[in-house]
Amino acid sequence: MKRDLLTLRDLTVEEIHYLLARARHLKEDWRAGKLEPSLNRKVLGMIFVKPSTRTRVSFEAAMYRLGGQCIFMTEKDSQISRKEPLADMARVLSRYVDAIAVRTFAHDDVEELARFASVPVINGLTDLFHPCQILADLMTIEEKRGSLENLKVAWIGDGNNVAHSWINAAALLGFTLSLACPEGYLPDSAILGRAQSEVPGKILLTQNPRGAAASADVLYTDVWASMGQEEEADARMKVFRGYQINRELLASASPDALVLHCLPAHRGEEITEEVLEGPQSVVFDEAENRLHIQMALLEWLLCGKK
């Protein structure tokens, strides 16, 4: 039976830990020049309505390094621009490629593609979730801390798609997540409510960044205005002004706290240059790990490798 990754909830706890361990193993093999071509003759179809640097390159590099190939399409390169039904596209592409990675706006579109595709569909980002990013983040935290045990993550900023995936991760893995989001920019109430009911007392919501950051092992943020929200940028700048990860906020966290950002970063807005380039920042290790977690995910989905 084919598997999809549309949200982290498509994975079991055991599968998450397997993917993290496999990604570390593949990373070691990659650095040692010992990667096996486990995806030889496999083809990944990529449909990107939203542009990307890290998501596109990490998926393409992952396929190539494991011996596979990619076909990349923007909205203009496909019949999406002419309103071809997604159900039709899914059934046609399933006869050409071995998996489909999608980066788009509406999460419903990814769900529809997955419903009609007979090959695995991977959510490379929607406005609601970004599961591959969080897998790479968890891998990075585990590398730096040694484990995910007794973990406290502080999310500072918009209650967006990355925040939603962190909420799902906390519900599945049981670590503490404290979200500091301004009023009017809170996470989706259904996503948050479900997770809070599953792990009572572990997922907290506040409007106080310093309180959220207190004793945190990880400080995490994202841009204040994401793609598609450019017209809101000025208004958001005023609302989020107190939600910046800076030296003062970092001082509230654990002394050895890690700073993560999914990038691209707007230095001087959601995070200062000093912190982003500082010794506690692991954002470029985090970005590299997108490659390794994508290799593990593609291998698992396409080959059922365990």
Protein backbone atom coordinates (compact mmCIF):
# COMPACT_ATOMS: atom_id res chain seq x y z
CA MET A 1 0.00 0.00 0.00
CA LYS A 2 1.37 3.41 -0.94
CA ARG A 3 2.13 5.96 1.78
CA ASP A 4 1.93 9.74 1.63
CA LEU A 5 3.47 12.44 3.80
CA LEU A 6 1.03 15.32 3.97
CA THR A 7 1.43 16.07 7.67
CA LEU A 8 3.56 14.60 10.44
CA ARG A 9 0.44 12.76 11.57
CA ASP A 10 0.88 10.47 8.59
CA LEU A 11 3.82 8.96 10.49
CA THR A 12 3.92 6.89 13.65
CA VAL A 13 6.33 7.75 16.44
CA GLU A 14 8.40 4.71 15.49
CA GLU A 15 8.53 5.84 11.85
CA ILE A 16 9.69 9.32 12.85
CA HIS A 17 12.53 7.85 14.89
CA TYR A 18 13.41 5.49 12.06
CA LEU A 19 13.61 8.37 9.55
CA LEU A 20 15.78 10.43 11.89
CA ALA A 21 18.17 7.52 12.43
CA ARG A 22 18.25 6.63 8.74
CA ALA A 23 18.94 10.25 7.79
CA ARG A 24 21.92 10.32 10.16
CA HIS A 25 23.23 7.09 8.62
CA LEU A 26 22.82 8.43 5.08
CA LYS A 27 24.56 11.65 6.12
CA GLU A 28 27.54 9.64 7.37
CA ASP A 29 27.63 7.62 4.13
CA TRP A 30 27.36 10.81 2.05
CA ARG A 31 30.30 12.40 3.84
CA ALA A 32 32.33 9.21 3.50
CA GLY A 33 31.51 8.89 -0.21
CA LYS A 34 29.71 5.59 0.38
CA LEU A 35 26.12 6.35 -0.63
CA GLU A 36 24.43 3.44 -2.39
CA PRO A 37 22.18 4.24 -5.42
CA SER A 38 19.05 2.95 -3.67
CA LEU A 39 16.78 5.08 -5.90
CA ASN A 40 18.34 4.01 -9.19
CA ARG A 41 15.81 4.31 -12.05
CA LYS A 42 13.29 6.05 -9.75
CA VAL A 43 11.77 9.38 -10.83
CA LEU A 44 10.39 12.12 -8.58
CA GLY A 45 7.86 14.52 -10.11
CA MET A 46 7.96 17.97 -8.49
CA ILE A 47 5.07 20.43 -8.76
CA PHE A 48 5.97 23.81 -7.27
CA VAL A 49 3.31 26.51 -7.32
CA LYS A 50 5.29 28.34 -4.63
CA PRO A 51 8.96 29.03 -5.44
CA SER A 52 11.70 27.61 -3.23
CA THR A 53 15.44 27.32 -2.73
CA ARG A 54 15.96 24.75 0.04
CA THR A 55 12.95 22.54 -0.67
CA ARG A 56 13.60 22.25 -4.38
CA VAL A 57 17.36 21.77 -4.19
CA SER A 58 17.24 19.36 -1.25
CA PHE A 59 14.69 17.13 -3.00
CA GLU A 60 16.54 17.21 -6.31
CA ALA A 61 19.94 16.62 -4.69
CA ALA A 62 18.49 13.80 -2.58
CA MET A 63 17.20 12.00 -5.67
CA TYR A 64 20.39 12.50 -7.66
CA ARG A 65 22.68 11.42 -4.82
CA LEU A 66 20.69 8.19 -4.42
CA GLY A 67 20.75 7.49 -8.16
CA GLY A 68 17.30 8.77 -9.09
CA GLN A 69 16.04 11.54 -11.35
CA CYS A 70 13.70 14.54 -10.99
CA ILE A 71 11.20 16.28 -13.24
CA PHE A 72 10.51 19.81 -12.00
CA MET A 73 7.40 21.78 -12.97
CA THR A 74 6.12 25.18 -11.96
CA GLU A 75 2.48 26.13 -12.32
CA LYS A 76 3.30 27.61 -15.74
CA ASP A 77 5.01 24.40 -16.86
CA SER A 78 1.87 22.34 -16.31
CA GLN A 79 -1.80 22.42 -17.15
CA ILE A 80 -2.59 23.65 -13.61
CA SER A 81 -2.43 27.14 -15.11
CA ARG A 82 -5.25 26.12 -17.45
CA LYS A 83 -7.33 24.65 -14.63
CA GLU A 84 -6.74 20.96 -15.32
CA PRO A 85 -8.42 19.03 -12.49
CA LEU A 86 -5.91 17.92 -9.89
CA ALA A 87 -7.52 14.47 -9.91
CA ASP A 88 -6.65 14.08 -13.58
CA MET A 89 -3.09 15.33 -13.08
CA ALA A 90 -2.56 12.93 -10.18
CA ARG A 91 -3.70 9.91 -12.18
CA VAL A 92 -1.60 10.83 -15.21
CA LEU A 93 1.58 11.64 -13.27
CA SER A 94 1.23 8.36 -11.37
CA ARG A 95 1.85 6.57 -14.67
CA TYR A 96 5.04 8.56 -15.33
CA VAL A 97 6.80 8.99 -11.99
CA ASP A 98 7.39 7.05 -8.78
CA ALA A 99 6.49 9.84 -6.34
CA ILE A 100 5.19 13.40 -6.41
CA ALA A 101 6.45 16.30 -4.25
CA VAL A 102 4.16 19.32 -4.11
CA ARG A 103 4.76 22.85 -2.84
CA THR A 104 1.64 25.00 -3.04
CA PHE A 105 -0.74 27.26 -1.17
CA ALA A 106 -3.93 25.31 -0.37
CA HIS A 107 -3.49 22.15 1.69
CA ASP A 108 -6.67 20.79 0.11
CA ASP A 109 -4.81 20.62 -3.21
CA VAL A 110 -2.17 18.29 -1.79
CA GLU A 111 -4.86 16.13 -0.20
CA GLU A 112 -6.69 15.85 -3.52
CA LEU A 113 -3.52 14.89 -5.38
CA ALA A 114 -2.80 12.24 -2.77
CA ARG A 115 -6.35 10.91 -2.94
CA PHE A 116 -6.13 10.24 -6.68
CA ALA A 117 -2.42 9.44 -7.08
CA SER A 118 -1.34 5.81 -6.99
CA VAL A 119 2.22 6.84 -6.03
CA PRO A 120 3.40 8.54 -2.81
CA VAL A 121 2.67 12.27 -2.51
CA ILE A 122 4.92 14.44 -0.34
CA ASN A 123 3.94 17.82 1.03
CA GLY A 124 6.88 20.13 0.33
CA LEU A 125 4.93 22.99 1.97
CA THR A 126 1.38 24.25 2.06
CA ASP A 127 -0.14 27.19 3.89
CA LEU A 128 -1.21 24.76 6.62
CA PHE A 129 1.77 22.42 7.18
CA HIS A 130 5.49 21.94 6.45
CA PRO A 131 6.30 18.41 7.71
CA CYS A 132 9.65 17.90 5.93
CA GLN A 133 11.05 21.01 7.57
CA ILE A 134 10.20 19.77 11.05
CA LEU A 135 11.78 16.36 10.39
CA ALA A 136 15.03 18.15 9.48
CA ASP A 137 14.68 20.33 12.58
CA LEU A 138 14.23 17.31 14.84
CA MET A 139 17.25 15.68 13.25
CA THR A 140 19.32 18.80 13.94
CA ILE A 141 18.19 19.03 17.56
CA GLU A 142 18.92 15.35 18.13
CA GLU A 143 22.40 15.74 16.62
CA LYS A 144 23.25 18.71 18.81
CA ARG A 145 21.62 17.58 22.07
CA GLY A 146 22.05 13.83 21.76
CA SER A 147 18.33 13.10 22.08
CA LEU A 148 14.85 14.63 22.09
CA GLU A 149 14.25 13.67 25.71
CA ASN A 150 13.11 16.40 28.13
CA LEU A 151 13.01 18.87 25.25
CA LYS A 152 11.42 22.31 25.43
CA VAL A 153 10.93 24.22 22.17
CA ALA A 154 9.87 27.86 22.13
CA TRP A 155 8.17 29.10 18.98
CA ILE A 156 8.32 32.90 18.65
CA GLY A 157 6.17 34.63 16.02
CA ASP A 158 3.38 33.82 13.60
CA GLY A 159 1.16 30.79 14.23
CA ASN A 160 1.78 29.61 10.68
CA ASN A 161 2.33 26.36 8.77
CA VAL A 162 5.69 25.65 10.42
CA ALA A 163 4.15 26.30 13.86
CA HIS A 164 1.33 23.87 13.00
CA SER A 165 3.86 21.16 12.15
CA TRP A 166 5.70 21.84 15.42
CA ILE A 167 2.37 21.43 17.23
CA ASN A 168 1.86 18.05 15.54
CA ALA A 169 5.43 17.02 16.41
CA ALA A 170 4.92 17.89 20.08
CA ALA A 171 1.65 15.94 20.17
CA LEU A 172 3.31 12.87 18.65
CA LEU A 173 6.61 12.93 20.52
CA GLY A 174 5.46 14.43 23.82
CA PHE A 175 8.01 17.22 24.26
CA THR A 176 7.10 20.66 25.63
CA LEU A 177 6.22 23.34 23.10
CA SER A 178 5.59 26.93 24.12
CA LEU A 179 4.23 29.21 21.40
CA ALA A 180 4.39 33.00 21.71
CA CYS A 181 2.12 34.48 19.04
CA PRO A 182 0.42 37.88 18.96
CA GLU A 183 -3.35 38.12 19.11
CA GLY A 184 -4.82 37.75 15.63
CA TYR A 185 -1.91 35.57 14.48
CA LEU A 186 -2.53 32.47 16.57
CA PRO A 187 -2.23 28.87 15.33
CA ASP A 188 -5.32 27.21 13.89
CA SER A 189 -7.60 26.47 16.84
CA ALA A 190 -8.55 22.97 15.65
CA ILE A 191 -4.93 21.90 15.14
CA LEU A 192 -3.89 23.37 18.49
CA GLY A 193 -6.92 22.07 20.40
CA ARG A 194 -6.50 18.50 19.17
CA ALA A 195 -2.81 18.46 20.09
CA GLN A 196 -3.37 19.98 23.52
CA SER A 197 -6.01 17.36 24.31
CA GLU A 198 -3.57 14.59 23.39
CA VAL A 199 -0.68 15.82 25.56
CA PRO A 200 -2.24 17.89 28.35
CA GLY A 201 0.03 20.60 29.74
CA LYS A 202 2.74 20.08 27.09
CA ILE A 203 1.66 22.61 24.43
CA LEU A 204 1.25 26.13 25.73
CA LEU A 205 0.12 29.33 24.01
CA THR A 206 1.03 32.81 25.21
CA GLN A 207 1.49 36.37 23.98
CA ASN A 208 4.65 36.69 26.09
CA PRO A 209 7.86 35.82 24.15
CA ARG A 210 10.04 36.01 27.25
CA GLY A 211 7.77 33.62 29.11
CA ALA A 212 7.77 31.18 26.21
CA ALA A 213 11.56 31.33 25.93
CA ALA A 214 12.19 30.77 29.65
CA SER A 215 14.47 27.73 30.08
CA ALA A 216 13.85 26.64 26.48
CA ASP A 217 16.29 24.26 24.80
CA VAL A 218 15.39 25.58 21.35
CA LEU A 219 14.30 29.02 20.14
CA TYR A 220 12.61 28.92 16.75
CA THR A 221 11.20 31.62 14.51
CA ASP A 222 10.11 32.28 10.93
CA VAL A 223 9.57 35.35 8.79
CA TRP A 224 6.74 37.62 9.86
CA ALA A 225 5.17 37.74 6.39
CA SER A 226 5.27 34.56 4.33
CA MET A 227 4.80 34.13 0.59
CA GLY A 228 1.35 35.40 -0.36
CA GLN A 229 1.26 37.82 2.58
CA GLU A 230 3.41 40.55 1.08
CA GLU A 231 0.58 43.10 1.19
CA GLU A 232 0.37 42.55 4.97
CA ALA A 233 4.08 43.14 5.56
CA ASP A 234 3.82 46.69 6.96
CA ALA A 235 0.97 45.82 9.31
CA ARG A 236 2.72 42.65 10.46
CA MET A 237 5.94 44.57 11.12
CA LYS A 238 4.12 46.64 13.75
CA VAL A 239 2.31 43.71 15.36
CA PHE A 240 5.38 41.45 15.58
CA ARG A 241 7.89 44.05 16.71
CA GLY A 242 8.11 42.54 20.21
CA TYR A 243 8.48 38.99 18.86
CA GLN A 244 12.10 39.15 17.75
CA ILE A 245 14.73 36.59 18.73
CA ASN A 246 17.55 38.80 19.96
CA ARG A 247 20.29 38.68 22.58
CA GLU A 248 17.88 39.62 25.39
CA LEU A 249 15.37 36.90 24.49
CA LEU A 250 18.12 34.32 24.07
CA ALA A 251 19.30 35.14 27.61
CA SER A 252 15.91 33.91 28.90
CA ALA A 253 16.47 30.45 27.42
CA SER A 254 18.75 27.68 28.66
CA PRO A 255 22.44 28.68 28.54
CA ASP A 256 23.14 26.18 25.75
CA ALA A 257 19.88 26.76 23.85
CA LEU A 258 19.90 26.22 20.11
CA VAL A 259 18.55 28.83 17.69
CA LEU A 260 16.72 27.51 14.63
CA HIS A 261 15.13 29.25 11.65
CA CYS A 262 13.70 27.54 8.57
CA LEU A 263 15.11 30.31 6.32
CA PRO A 264 15.12 32.59 4.46
CA ALA A 265 15.73 34.97 7.37
CA HIS A 266 15.04 38.70 7.45
CA ARG A 267 17.87 39.92 9.64
CA GLY A 268 16.79 42.73 11.92
CA GLU A 269 13.15 41.67 11.81
CA GLU A 270 12.24 38.29 13.34
CA ILE A 271 15.86 37.63 14.32
CA THR A 272 18.93 39.80 14.78
CA GLU A 273 22.12 39.36 12.78
CA GLU A 274 23.98 38.88 16.05
CA VAL A 275 21.91 35.85 17.04
CA LEU A 276 21.56 34.35 13.56
CA GLU A 277 25.33 34.39 13.08
CA GLY A 278 26.10 33.64 16.72
CA PRO A 279 27.54 30.49 18.30
CA GLN A 280 24.13 29.12 19.36
CA SER A 281 22.67 29.33 15.87
CA VAL A 282 22.49 26.04 13.95
CA VAL A 283 20.43 27.29 11.03
CA PHE A 284 22.88 26.20 8.33
CA ASP A 285 23.27 22.71 9.81
CA GLU A 286 19.48 22.66 9.92
CA ALA A 287 19.29 23.66 6.25
CA GLU A 288 21.81 20.95 5.28
CA ASN A 289 19.74 18.35 7.09
CA ARG A 290 16.87 18.99 4.70
CA LEU A 291 18.96 17.01 2.20
CA HIS A 292 19.56 14.07 4.51
CA ILE A 293 16.01 13.77 5.82
CA GLN A 294 14.71 14.01 2.24
CA MET A 295 17.02 11.13 1.24
CA ALA A 296 15.70 9.01 4.10
CA LEU A 297 12.08 9.91 3.35
CA LEU A 298 12.32 9.24 -0.39
CA GLU A 299 14.12 5.94 0.15
CA TRP A 300 11.47 4.87 2.67
CA LEU A 301 8.50 5.90 0.55
CA LEU A 302 9.81 4.59 -2.77
CA CYS A 303 11.58 1.43 -1.65
CA GLY A 304 9.90 0.61 1.65
CA LYS A 305 13.44 0.45 3.00
CA LYS A 306 13.81 -0.16 6.73
